[in-house]
Protein backbone atom coordinates (compact mmCIF):
# COMPACT_ATOMS: atom_id res chain seq x y z
CA MET A 1 0.06 0.21 0.36
CA THR A 2 1.50 3.65 -0.49
CA SER A 3 2.49 5.97 2.12
CA LEU A 4 0.11 8.01 3.71
CA ILE A 5 3.66 10.39 5.01
CA SER A 6 6.76 10.95 4.34
CA PRO A 7 7.68 11.00 8.23
CA SER A 8 10.73 13.02 9.38
CA HIS A 9 9.73 11.79 13.27
CA ASN A 10 12.58 12.64 15.54
CA ALA A 11 12.04 10.80 18.75
CA SER A 12 14.75 12.49 20.93
CA CYS A 13 13.16 15.85 20.73
CA ASN A 14 10.70 17.05 23.13
CA THR A 15 7.78 18.96 22.53
CA GLY A 16 8.23 21.83 25.30
CA SER A 17 7.14 20.02 28.59
CA ARG A 18 8.26 21.62 31.25
CA GLY A 19 8.97 18.26 33.23
CA TRP A 20 11.96 16.97 35.74
CA ARG A 21 15.51 17.79 35.06
CA ILE A 22 16.22 13.84 35.65
CA VAL A 23 19.73 13.74 38.27
CA LEU A 24 20.92 10.34 38.22
CA MET A 25 21.22 8.98 41.75
CA SER A 26 24.23 7.05 43.30
CA VAL A 27 23.84 3.50 43.45
CA LEU A 28 24.51 3.56 47.26
CA SER A 29 24.02 7.31 48.03
CA VAL A 30 20.95 8.91 49.07
CA VAL A 31 22.05 12.10 47.77
CA LEU A 32 19.70 13.59 45.50
CA ALA A 33 20.32 16.43 43.27
CA THR A 34 17.87 19.29 43.68
CA VAL A 35 17.55 23.68 43.76
CA LEU A 36 15.68 25.57 46.15
CA ALA A 37 14.15 29.28 45.12
CA GLY A 38 14.09 32.26 46.75
CA CYS A 39 11.34 34.60 48.39
CA GLY A 40 9.46 38.10 47.59
CA SER A 41 7.52 41.19 49.14
CA ILE A 42 5.79 43.90 47.94
CA PRO A 43 5.30 47.81 48.79
CA THR A 44 1.48 49.09 50.10
CA ALA A 45 1.60 51.63 47.21
CA GLY A 46 3.27 53.35 44.55
CA PRO A 47 5.78 50.85 41.91
CA VAL A 48 7.03 47.70 43.06
CA GLY A 49 10.33 48.16 44.45
CA THR A 50 12.95 45.49 43.00
CA LEU A 51 15.98 44.40 44.42
CA GLU A 52 18.57 42.28 43.16
CA PRO A 53 18.23 38.77 44.12
CA SER A 54 20.98 38.09 47.35
CA GLU A 55 22.59 35.15 48.55
CA ARG A 56 21.52 33.86 51.78
CA SER A 57 23.34 31.44 54.21
CA GLY A 58 23.72 28.03 52.38
CA GLY A 59 23.49 29.89 49.10
CA GLU A 60 19.64 30.69 49.01
CA GLN A 61 18.71 33.18 46.97
CA SER A 62 15.56 35.79 48.01
CA TYR A 63 14.27 38.41 45.60
CA THR A 64 13.14 41.62 47.74
CA PHE A 65 10.40 43.81 47.17
CA ASP A 66 10.06 47.17 49.55
CA VAL A 67 7.34 46.59 51.89
CA PRO A 68 6.52 48.91 54.12
CA GLY A 69 5.65 48.28 57.66
CA PRO A 70 3.26 50.23 59.83
CA SER A 71 4.07 54.36 60.83
CA PRO A 72 3.16 56.32 63.87
CA GLY A 73 -0.22 57.13 64.24
CA ASP A 74 -1.89 54.97 61.34
CA SER A 75 -5.40 54.50 61.44
CA PRO A 76 -7.35 51.16 61.86
CA GLU A 77 -8.27 51.26 58.40
CA THR A 78 -4.53 52.51 57.33
CA ILE A 79 -2.99 49.54 59.46
CA VAL A 80 -5.57 47.02 57.83
CA ARG A 81 -4.39 48.51 54.57
CA GLY A 82 -0.69 47.28 55.20
CA PHE A 83 -1.21 44.22 56.22
CA LEU A 84 -3.54 43.04 53.58
CA ALA A 85 -0.60 44.99 51.30
CA ALA A 86 2.09 42.86 52.64
CA GLY A 87 0.96 39.23 52.83
CA VAL A 88 2.60 38.88 49.02
CA SER A 89 5.90 39.77 51.45
CA SER A 90 6.75 36.21 52.36
CA GLN A 91 10.28 37.43 53.45
CA ASP A 92 12.00 36.28 56.71
CA ASP A 93 8.26 34.14 57.80
CA TRP A 94 5.57 37.35 56.43
CA ALA A 95 7.90 39.47 59.11
CA VAL A 96 5.96 42.57 57.96
CA ALA A 97 3.12 41.66 58.11
CA ARG A 98 3.50 40.05 61.68
CA SER A 99 4.11 43.63 62.24
CA PHE A 100 1.05 45.07 61.96
CA LEU A 101 -0.09 42.36 64.41
CA THR A 102 -0.43 42.49 68.05
CA ALA A 103 2.43 40.78 70.11
CA GLU A 104 0.03 38.18 70.93
CA LYS A 105 -1.29 37.31 67.58
CA ALA A 106 1.93 37.73 65.53
CA PRO A 107 3.09 34.26 66.18
CA GLU A 108 -0.14 32.52 66.01
CA TRP A 109 -0.99 33.63 62.77
CA ASN A 110 -0.70 31.21 59.92
CA PRO A 111 -0.27 33.10 56.60
CA THR A 112 0.21 29.62 54.66
CA HIS A 113 -2.89 28.45 55.54
CA GLU A 114 -4.41 29.97 52.21
CA VAL A 115 -3.35 32.26 49.44
CA ILE A 116 -6.91 34.47 48.14
CA VAL A 117 -5.65 35.80 44.61
CA THR A 118 -7.28 38.47 43.57
CA ASP A 119 -7.36 41.45 40.92
CA SER A 120 -7.60 44.77 42.75
CA THR A 121 -6.23 45.97 46.25
CA PRO A 122 -9.55 45.43 48.37
CA GLU A 123 -11.49 48.46 49.92
CA VAL A 124 -11.00 48.37 53.81
CA LYS A 125 -13.76 49.76 55.99
CA ARG A 126 -15.79 49.55 59.38
CA SER A 127 -17.87 46.16 59.69
CA GLY A 128 -20.58 48.00 61.44
CA GLU A 129 -20.08 45.33 64.49
CA GLY A 130 -18.04 47.59 66.84
CA ALA A 131 -15.74 50.65 66.76
CA SER A 132 -12.92 48.51 66.61
CA ALA A 133 -14.16 46.27 63.82
CA LEU A 134 -13.30 46.47 60.53
CA GLU A 135 -13.88 44.40 57.19
CA ALA A 136 -12.50 44.14 53.07
CA ASN A 137 -13.80 42.06 50.63
CA PRO A 138 -11.35 40.80 48.33
CA ARG A 139 -12.91 39.32 44.87
CA VAL A 140 -11.99 35.69 45.15
CA LEU A 141 -9.63 34.65 41.59
CA ARG A 142 -7.94 32.28 42.78
CA THR A 143 -7.23 30.48 46.04
CA ILE A 144 -3.75 28.38 46.89
CA ASP A 145 -4.18 25.90 49.98
CA ALA A 146 -1.66 25.20 52.94
CA TYR A 147 -0.21 22.40 50.30
CA GLY A 148 -0.29 24.31 47.33
CA VAL A 149 -3.16 23.32 45.72
CA LYS A 150 -4.60 25.61 43.43
CA THR A 151 -8.34 26.60 42.71
CA ASP A 152 -9.33 28.90 40.06
CA ALA A 153 -12.74 30.01 40.70
CA GLU A 154 -15.22 29.04 38.19
CA ASN A 155 -17.59 32.58 38.95
CA PRO A 156 -15.27 34.89 40.92
CA LYS A 157 -17.15 36.10 44.29
CA PRO A 158 -16.10 38.03 47.27
CA ARG A 159 -14.89 36.84 50.36
CA ASN A 160 -15.31 38.57 53.71
CA LEU A 161 -12.64 39.11 55.62
CA LYS A 162 -13.09 40.72 59.21
CA PHE A 163 -10.49 41.95 61.26
CA GLU A 164 -9.95 43.62 65.05
CA VAL A 165 -7.79 46.14 66.17
CA LEU A 166 -6.92 47.43 69.52
CA LYS A 167 -4.20 49.95 70.84
CA GLU A 168 -0.52 48.36 71.71
CA ASN A 169 1.42 50.80 73.30
CA GLY A 170 -0.60 53.77 71.60
CA GLU A 171 -0.40 52.33 68.29
CA TRP A 172 -3.35 50.65 66.48
CA ARG A 173 -2.35 46.36 65.85
CA ILE A 174 -4.55 44.09 64.71
CA SER A 175 -5.68 41.69 67.27
CA LYS A 176 -7.97 39.35 65.23
CA VAL A 177 -7.25 38.29 61.56
CA PRO A 178 -8.25 35.45 59.20
CA ASP A 179 -5.43 32.82 58.59
CA GLY A 180 -3.77 33.25 55.17
CA VAL A 181 -2.77 36.25 52.97
CA VAL A 182 -4.04 38.07 49.68
CA VAL A 183 -2.16 39.05 47.10
CA GLU A 184 -3.00 40.68 43.89
CA SER A 185 -3.21 38.59 40.54
CA GLN A 186 -0.75 40.85 38.70
CA LEU A 187 1.70 39.88 41.77
CA PHE A 188 1.03 35.92 42.63
CA GLN A 189 3.50 34.79 39.58
CA ARG A 190 6.23 37.27 41.16
CA ALA A 191 5.78 35.57 44.73
CA TYR A 192 4.93 32.38 44.05
CA GLU A 193 6.61 29.30 42.06
CA PRO A 194 5.11 26.56 40.44
CA VAL A 195 6.56 23.03 41.72
CA GLU A 196 5.93 19.52 40.09
CA LEU A 197 5.43 17.12 42.69
CA ALA A 198 6.46 13.70 42.22
CA PHE A 199 4.04 11.01 42.13
CA TYR A 200 3.71 7.83 40.28
CA ASN A 201 0.75 5.54 38.37
CA PRO A 202 -0.46 3.03 40.20
CA GLN A 203 1.93 0.68 38.25
CA PHE A 204 4.91 2.54 39.34
CA THR A 205 6.26 2.69 36.21
CA ALA A 206 5.81 6.43 35.38
CA VAL A 207 6.25 9.23 37.27
CA VAL A 208 2.83 11.68 37.45
CA PRO A 209 3.81 15.18 37.97
CA ASP A 210 1.49 17.08 40.15
CA VAL A 211 1.81 20.94 39.84
CA ARG A 212 1.66 22.99 43.72
CA TRP A 213 2.49 26.95 44.25
CA PHE A 214 4.65 27.80 46.95
CA ALA A 215 5.40 31.38 47.99
CA ARG A 216 9.56 32.16 47.45
CA ARG A 217 10.78 32.09 50.29
CA GLN A 218 13.74 31.01 52.99
CA GLY A 219 11.94 27.55 54.12
CA MET A 220 10.45 26.75 50.39
CA ALA A 221 11.93 23.14 50.61
CA THR A 222 10.05 22.59 53.62
CA ALA A 223 6.55 23.52 52.19
CA VAL A 224 7.45 21.27 48.93
CA VAL A 225 8.29 17.95 51.24
CA THR A 226 5.17 18.40 53.47
CA ALA A 227 2.98 18.46 50.78
CA LEU A 228 4.34 15.49 49.29
CA LEU A 229 4.10 13.58 52.27
CA HIS A 230 0.42 14.80 52.48
CA GLY A 231 -0.21 13.16 49.32
CA PRO A 232 -1.69 14.06 45.89
CA ALA A 233 -4.26 16.89 44.89
CA PRO A 234 -8.02 15.78 44.86
CA TYR A 235 -7.94 15.80 41.07
CA LEU A 236 -5.31 12.83 41.24
CA GLU A 237 -7.11 11.20 44.37
CA GLY A 238 -7.25 7.47 44.17
CA SER A 239 -5.09 7.48 40.52
CA VAL A 240 -1.75 8.09 41.59
CA SER A 241 0.91 6.24 44.23
CA SER A 242 3.44 7.34 47.00
CA ALA A 243 6.16 5.44 47.79
CA PHE A 244 5.54 7.21 51.24
CA PRO A 245 2.62 6.45 53.48
CA ARG A 246 -0.18 8.82 53.21
CA ASP A 247 0.47 11.73 55.41
CA ALA A 248 3.76 11.35 56.52
CA LYS A 249 5.19 13.35 58.61
CA LEU A 250 9.16 14.85 59.06
CA ALA A 251 11.29 13.61 61.96
CA ARG A 252 11.48 17.45 62.56
CA GLN A 253 9.61 20.53 61.37
CA ALA A 254 12.05 21.40 58.64
CA VAL A 255 13.84 20.96 55.94
CA PRO A 256 16.94 22.82 56.38
CA VAL A 257 19.03 23.85 53.48
CA GLN A 258 23.29 24.54 54.82
CA ASP A 259 26.13 24.88 52.21
CA GLY A 260 23.49 24.02 49.39
CA MET A 261 22.45 20.58 50.83
CA ALA A 262 18.61 20.09 51.99
CA GLN A 263 18.33 17.46 54.72
CA VAL A 264 15.06 15.50 54.75
CA ASP A 265 14.73 13.54 58.28
CA VAL A 266 11.65 11.61 58.19
CA PRO A 267 10.95 9.34 61.53
CA GLU A 268 11.52 5.24 61.66
CA GLY A 269 7.65 5.02 60.97
CA VAL A 270 7.80 6.52 57.45
CA VAL A 271 10.31 3.27 56.08
CA ALA A 272 8.98 0.95 58.44
CA GLY A 273 7.85 -2.21 56.84
CA ALA A 274 9.12 -0.72 52.99
CA ASP A 275 11.67 -2.86 51.55
CA ASP A 276 14.75 -1.36 49.69
CA ARG A 277 12.78 -0.61 46.28
CA GLN A 278 10.10 1.26 48.15
CA ARG A 279 12.71 3.03 50.01
CA SER A 280 14.42 3.90 46.41
CA LEU A 281 11.22 5.38 45.38
CA MET A 282 10.92 7.54 48.07
CA MET A 283 14.15 8.90 47.35
CA ARG A 284 13.24 9.62 43.95
CA GLN A 285 10.00 11.26 44.75
CA LEU A 286 11.84 13.73 46.78
CA ASP A 287 14.60 14.08 44.30
CA LEU A 288 12.50 15.05 41.55
CA SER A 289 9.83 16.92 43.56
CA LEU A 290 12.81 19.24 44.80
CA ASN A 291 14.80 19.60 41.46
CA GLU A 292 13.30 22.77 40.08
CA LEU A 293 14.03 24.82 43.18
CA SER A 294 16.78 26.65 42.57
CA SER A 295 19.39 27.06 45.35
CA VAL A 296 20.23 23.78 46.52
CA ASN A 297 22.86 21.55 45.18
CA GLN A 298 22.02 17.81 46.94
CA VAL A 299 19.34 16.30 49.03
CA SER A 300 19.97 13.93 51.55
CA MET A 301 17.42 11.44 53.40
CA SER A 302 17.88 10.11 56.76
CA VAL A 303 15.62 8.23 59.41
CA ASP A 304 16.16 9.81 62.61
CA GLN A 305 19.16 11.42 61.24
CA GLN A 306 20.55 8.00 60.77
CA GLU A 307 21.75 8.14 56.24
CA LEU A 308 19.72 5.90 54.39
CA LYS A 309 21.06 3.64 52.21
CA VAL A 310 19.24 0.99 49.68
CA SER A 311 20.83 -1.43 47.91
CA ALA A 312 21.85 -1.46 43.79
CA ASP A 313 19.44 -3.73 42.59
CA ALA A 314 16.50 -1.28 44.54
CA GLU A 315 17.74 1.52 41.76
CA ARG A 316 17.30 -0.54 38.54
CA ASN A 317 14.76 0.03 36.43
CA PRO A 318 13.46 3.02 37.77
CA PRO A 319 10.00 4.39 36.89
CA VAL A 320 9.80 6.77 33.29
CA VAL A 321 10.15 10.54 34.67
CA GLU A 322 8.73 11.87 31.33
CA ALA A 323 6.01 9.55 29.91
CA GLU A 324 6.24 10.35 26.41
CA VAL A 325 2.91 10.40 23.56
CA SER A 326 3.15 7.13 21.78
CA ASP A 327 5.63 7.45 17.96
CA LYS A 328 2.98 4.99 17.05
CA LEU A 329 1.10 6.26 14.24
CA VAL A 330 -2.17 4.37 12.70
CA GLY A 331 -4.42 6.32 9.81
CA LEU A 332 -7.28 5.55 7.35
CA GLN A 333 -6.75 4.94 3.67
CA ASN A 334 -9.33 4.61 0.79
CA ASP A 335 -12.01 3.76 4.18
CA LEU A 336 -9.36 0.88 5.69
CA LEU A 337 -7.85 1.03 8.44
CA VAL A 338 -3.48 1.61 8.12
CA ARG A 339 -0.31 1.49 9.95
CA VAL A 340 1.63 3.67 9.32
CA ARG A 341 5.59 2.48 9.92
CA ASP A 342 8.34 4.90 8.72
CA SER A 343 7.19 5.60 5.08
CA ASN A 344 5.29 2.58 4.55
CA SER A 345 1.25 2.34 5.34
CA THR A 346 0.09 -1.57 6.08
CA LEU A 347 -3.47 -2.43 5.73
CA ILE A 348 -5.13 -3.39 9.08
CA GLU A 349 -6.65 -6.81 7.63
CA THR A 350 -10.06 -8.22 8.94
CA ASP A 351 -11.57 -11.50 8.24
CA SER A 352 -14.44 -8.99 7.27
CA THR A 353 -15.21 -5.34 6.47
CA LEU A 354 -15.24 -3.19 8.82
CA GLY A 355 -18.34 -1.02 7.39
CA PRO A 356 -18.28 2.08 5.18
CA GLY A 357 -17.70 5.80 7.52
CA LEU A 358 -14.68 5.25 9.50
CA SER A 359 -13.27 7.79 11.34
CA SER A 360 -11.31 8.80 14.17
CA PRO A 361 -8.80 5.56 14.22
CA THR A 362 -6.06 5.08 17.45
CA MET A 363 -4.33 2.38 18.59
CA GLN A 364 -3.43 0.77 22.20
CA PRO A 365 0.32 2.12 23.19
CA GLU A 366 1.83 -0.69 24.49
CA ASP A 367 0.40 -3.18 21.77
CA ASP A 368 1.14 -2.97 18.07
CA THR A 369 -2.38 -5.31 17.25
CA LYS A 370 -4.91 -3.52 18.67
CA TYR A 371 -6.90 -0.77 17.53
CA ALA A 372 -10.27 1.12 18.12
CA VAL A 373 -12.34 2.90 15.20
CA LEU A 374 -15.62 4.82 15.15
CA ALA A 375 -17.70 3.42 11.99
CA ALA A 376 -20.91 4.43 10.40
CA GLN A 377 -20.60 8.31 10.58
CA GLN A 378 -19.38 8.27 14.35
CA THR A 379 -22.51 6.18 15.74
CA ARG A 380 -20.35 2.56 16.16
CA LEU A 381 -17.42 1.87 17.87
CA LEU A 382 -15.35 -0.93 16.90
CA ALA A 383 -11.96 -2.85 18.77
CA VAL A 384 -10.10 -4.27 16.01
CA ASP A 385 -7.43 -7.07 16.90
CA GLY A 386 -5.01 -7.20 14.18
CA GLU A 387 -3.20 -10.09 14.96
CA LYS A 388 -6.54 -12.14 15.23
CA ARG A 389 -7.86 -10.61 11.97
CA THR A 390 -11.26 -9.75 13.93
CA TYR A 391 -13.04 -6.55 15.43
CA LYS A 392 -15.98 -6.46 17.68
CA GLU A 393 -18.57 -3.94 18.38
CA LEU A 394 -18.24 -2.10 21.58
CA ALA A 395 -21.41 0.62 21.21
CA SER A 396 -23.45 1.66 19.05
CA GLY A 397 -26.44 3.99 18.37
CA PRO A 398 -25.81 8.09 19.36
CA VAL A 399 -22.76 10.05 17.77
CA MET A 400 -19.45 8.84 19.53
CA THR A 401 -16.07 11.28 20.03
CA ALA A 402 -12.82 10.38 18.99
CA PRO A 403 -11.62 7.21 20.75
CA SER A 404 -8.60 7.25 22.95
CA MET A 405 -6.73 3.43 23.89
CA ASP A 406 -4.88 3.31 27.36
CA SER A 407 -1.91 1.10 27.82
CA PHE A 408 -4.35 -1.42 29.08
CA GLY A 409 -6.86 -2.07 26.31
CA TRP A 410 -9.78 0.32 27.42
CA VAL A 411 -11.30 2.76 24.94
CA TRP A 412 -12.72 6.13 26.28
CA THR A 413 -15.42 8.13 24.32
CA SER A 414 -18.26 10.09 24.82
CA ASP A 415 -21.43 10.18 23.88
CA PRO A 416 -24.64 12.43 24.99
CA GLU A 417 -24.39 10.81 28.60
CA GLY A 418 -20.99 11.73 29.07
CA VAL A 419 -17.59 10.00 29.39
CA VAL A 420 -17.29 5.84 29.12
CA ALA A 421 -15.11 3.44 28.68
CA TYR A 422 -14.81 -0.44 27.00
CA ASP A 423 -12.78 -2.82 27.84
CA SER A 424 -11.84 -4.18 24.07
CA SER A 425 -10.79 -7.61 25.22
CA ASN A 426 -14.72 -8.37 26.33
CA GLY A 427 -16.91 -5.26 25.52
CA LYS A 428 -17.57 -4.51 29.01
CA THR A 429 -18.45 -0.78 29.56
CA VAL A 430 -17.69 1.15 32.38
CA ARG A 431 -19.34 4.95 32.56
CA MET A 432 -17.69 7.44 34.68
CA LYS A 433 -19.68 9.64 36.83
CA LEU A 434 -19.12 13.56 36.64
CA ASP A 435 -20.50 16.43 37.89
CA MET A 436 -21.96 18.19 35.21
CA LYS A 437 -24.62 21.09 34.46
CA PRO A 438 -27.87 20.61 32.52
CA ASN A 439 -27.22 20.23 28.99
CA THR A 440 -23.35 19.75 28.85
CA SER A 441 -21.61 17.50 26.36
CA VAL A 442 -18.08 16.14 26.34
CA THR A 443 -16.57 17.00 23.13
CA SER A 444 -13.24 15.01 23.23
CA VAL A 445 -11.24 13.06 25.33
CA ARG A 446 -7.63 11.59 25.80
CA VAL A 447 -5.76 9.32 28.18
CA SER A 448 -2.23 10.56 29.75
CA PRO A 449 0.41 8.59 28.41
CA ASP A 450 0.96 8.02 32.11
CA GLY A 451 -2.54 6.16 31.98
CA ALA A 452 -3.39 7.86 35.43
CA ARG A 453 -4.94 10.99 34.13
CA LEU A 454 -7.93 11.85 31.66
CA ALA A 455 -8.15 15.27 29.83
CA PHE A 456 -11.53 16.27 28.43
CA THR A 457 -13.35 19.51 27.12
CA LEU A 458 -16.88 20.09 27.79
CA THR A 459 -19.25 22.15 26.55
CA ASP A 460 -21.99 23.93 28.29
CA ALA A 461 -24.35 27.21 28.37
CA ASP A 462 -20.96 28.95 29.56
CA GLY A 463 -18.74 28.31 26.89
CA GLU A 464 -15.85 25.25 26.33
CA ARG A 465 -13.55 24.29 29.13
CA LEU A 466 -10.75 22.11 29.49
CA GLN A 467 -10.47 19.56 32.62
CA VAL A 468 -8.08 16.72 33.89
CA SER A 469 -9.37 14.31 35.93
CA GLY A 470 -7.01 11.07 37.51
CA ILE A 471 -8.43 8.12 36.67
CA GLN A 472 -9.25 5.65 39.69
CA ARG A 473 -8.81 1.74 38.79
CA THR A 474 -8.91 -1.52 40.31
CA LYS A 475 -5.85 -3.68 41.18
CA THR A 476 -6.54 -5.11 37.66
CA ASP A 477 -6.21 -1.60 36.09
CA ARG A 478 -10.04 -1.79 35.87
CA PRO A 479 -11.51 1.91 35.36
CA VAL A 480 -13.94 2.75 37.93
CA ALA A 481 -14.23 6.49 38.19
CA LEU A 482 -12.81 9.79 37.75
CA ALA A 483 -11.45 11.96 40.26
CA SER A 484 -12.73 15.28 41.04
CA PRO A 485 -11.32 17.50 37.75
CA LEU A 486 -9.20 20.09 37.45
CA ARG A 487 -10.11 23.09 35.78
CA LEU A 488 -7.62 24.49 33.08
CA LYS A 489 -7.57 28.11 31.68
CA THR A 490 -7.72 28.78 28.41
CA THR A 491 -7.77 31.52 25.54
CA VAL A 492 -8.91 29.74 22.52
CA ASN A 493 -12.97 27.99 23.47
CA PRO A 494 -11.38 24.39 23.22
CA THR A 495 -13.62 21.22 21.81
CA ARG A 496 -10.60 19.24 20.86
CA VAL A 497 -7.69 18.25 23.51
CA GLN A 498 -4.67 16.05 23.37
CA TRP A 499 -1.35 15.15 25.57
CA ILE A 500 2.07 16.42 24.50
CA GLY A 501 3.73 15.17 27.60
CA ALA A 502 3.80 14.37 31.19
CA ALA A 503 2.37 18.30 31.93
CA ASP A 504 1.29 19.77 28.73
CA LEU A 505 -1.31 19.41 26.20
CA VAL A 506 -2.96 21.24 23.33
CA VAL A 507 -6.25 22.04 22.70
CA TYR A 508 -8.04 23.63 19.55
CA LYS A 509 -11.67 24.04 18.05
CA PRO A 510 -12.01 22.34 14.30
CA ASP A 511 -13.40 24.66 11.73
CA SER A 512 -13.45 23.98 8.08
CA THR A 513 -13.89 27.86 7.01
CA ALA A 514 -11.48 29.87 9.43
CA ARG A 515 -8.13 29.46 10.67
CA VAL A 516 -7.58 28.00 13.85
CA ASP A 517 -5.58 28.61 16.45
CA VAL A 518 -3.79 25.65 18.65
CA GLU A 519 -2.74 26.62 22.08
CA GLN A 520 -0.49 24.38 23.95
CA ILE A 521 -1.44 24.69 28.00
CA GLY A 522 0.70 23.57 30.53
CA LEU A 523 -0.52 22.18 34.17
CA ASN A 524 1.96 25.35 35.51
CA ASP A 525 -0.39 27.45 33.97
CA GLU A 526 2.07 28.23 30.98
CA THR A 527 0.16 28.97 27.81
CA SER A 528 1.51 29.97 24.24
CA MET A 529 -0.23 29.99 20.97
CA TRP A 530 1.85 27.88 17.75
CA ARG A 531 2.67 29.64 15.09
CA GLN A 532 0.95 29.91 11.55
CA PRO A 533 -2.75 29.34 12.42
CA LEU A 534 -3.95 26.19 10.15
CA LEU A 535 -6.30 27.76 7.58
CA GLY A 536 -9.95 25.15 8.01
CA LEU A 537 -8.22 22.57 10.35
CA THR A 538 -10.12 19.76 11.16
CA HIS A 539 -8.08 16.84 12.77
CA LEU A 540 -4.70 17.17 14.44
CA THR A 541 -2.82 15.12 15.92
CA VAL A 542 0.85 15.31 18.08
CA GLY A 543 3.57 13.10 19.07
CA VAL A 544 6.81 13.33 20.63
CA GLY A 545 8.84 15.66 18.60
CA PRO A 546 7.88 19.21 17.52
CA GLU A 547 7.75 18.44 13.99
CA ASP A 548 5.93 14.90 14.86
CA VAL A 549 2.70 17.12 14.21
CA TYR A 550 -0.24 16.18 11.82
CA ALA A 551 -3.04 18.83 10.82
CA GLU A 552 -5.61 18.41 8.38
CA ASN A 553 -8.06 20.92 6.11
CA ALA A 554 -9.98 20.12 3.50
CA ASP A 555 -6.71 20.83 1.14
CA GLY A 556 -5.00 17.53 2.60
CA LEU A 557 -2.53 16.46 5.67
CA TYR A 558 -0.06 18.74 6.54
CA GLN A 559 3.43 18.52 8.57
CA ARG A 560 4.38 21.49 11.35
CA THR A 561 8.17 22.44 10.59
CA SER A 562 9.60 25.17 12.27
CA ASN A 563 8.27 27.49 10.26
CA GLY A 564 4.75 26.40 9.79
CA TRP A 565 3.47 23.85 7.95
CA ARG A 566 4.13 21.29 4.88
CA GLN A 567 1.45 20.01 2.78
CA VAL A 568 2.42 16.18 2.73
CA ARG A 569 -0.62 14.74 0.87
CA ARG A 570 -3.37 16.00 -0.94
CA ASP A 571 -6.22 13.76 0.49
CA GLY A 572 -7.12 13.34 4.36
CA SER A 573 -6.10 10.39 6.37
CA GLN A 574 -6.98 11.30 9.97
CA LEU A 575 -3.77 10.07 10.96
CA SER A 576 -3.16 9.60 14.49
CA TYR A 577 -0.92 8.74 17.48
CA ALA A 578 -1.48 5.66 19.81
CA GLY A 579 -3.30 6.81 22.99
């Protein structure tokens, strides 16, 4: 059969996923490479005064922004306004913000309890509950909890914050204050840093990133490790694993950094009963989770201050750090299912025809013989066994979205009732429960390369949006439910999604008549638009490298290049990478 494409695959290229920079551990050493970031603060009024990064003891950097403390004679309103403005300054454990509090309240106040991200400085006024009572009502765009978990508000609303003041040594100070800080959105990205915590898929074959946000400050390493030990974010609940027991604690409530060395000390109970393999996985989690910080050269792990060692065998065959999209291609040619290898297309033969109207082919990433495809204008879902030359009908009836096939042979799609998964080997069905508004439709689904997450796009009365949920499975890898979803902000109004790495996706909205923008979305909130939108884009598939991307419009099949798009065929083939 003639070739569908003339590929120029480059499997060694990366699509731009942020990912982890891997630092190899010595066979018998628990010293792991990491980095640690600095901290910042902000003024109450006027332009932000930024100083150059300064070195702290142990090599820790801090970015300092000029934030004034209270002045003699300040009114209660001025004191509360100053306190709110100083919340962005985490320097010296929020020392400036604490200076607005009474001597009794200052050490009790917990600034890391919650971050409220707002769009403007909230007004401070008397609350009417007494002469010493004040309030502010910041509009909540986003919150960050004590473990760095981000929640974006679907419909931003004001949050009422109540304060009480009293005079101490002749000056007004705050005696009652809610835990947490308020940070304006334009300052949030400078004051807080996204960090990818490392968890594993349930099979311990791949690392699954869990992006959190932490204040850039001294003690950031402690915050990272504490969050890792606490467990995964809600959207990954029940879908990822940790080598550490749930809610494990540090032996001492700090991860000190001295001369570039971060020292992680855990009590005996954390490692009790764990074999060398599990202990090695613990160390790798610490390594990867601290890896993106900027001022630590090494990490040591100890148990009650005794260095932890593991055998060489325990460190062999570690989980894949950056689970990549498969480089296997499948497509359609003359309404037939074909497998594309290098420059050749091979017919996937079956003893009986798959029927007319084939569309949206895919294949199992870990098996060259298992495929799925829609037929009869998207009203039949078929599982194809290329080795046995057979196929079975998994579903028929209403229109379904393009299927996605995971490494365990489950075929994912959506219909008017929501997301559903089918076992390609026996046709068993698992319908996922989603908390959706009335008249919501799921417009596309895609399983992540690690098999632990499902990305999907939704359309409802409020428009189109992108979400990611962890896939909860049994011990036999049968999916049973989706975790509470994480909503990701997009610039385009997406109806299609694909993974391009462990922590990055691309989204778009097909349009046969207009130029279609393709947006790359990172779990760390980084976004970018691809160059040269393609006119009339109706189908896109994304592989490992920057040129392992194929798109279709009415004129044929195109391959992405550094300058835009190159036409490789004059007819469509609905080319698709496995997964």
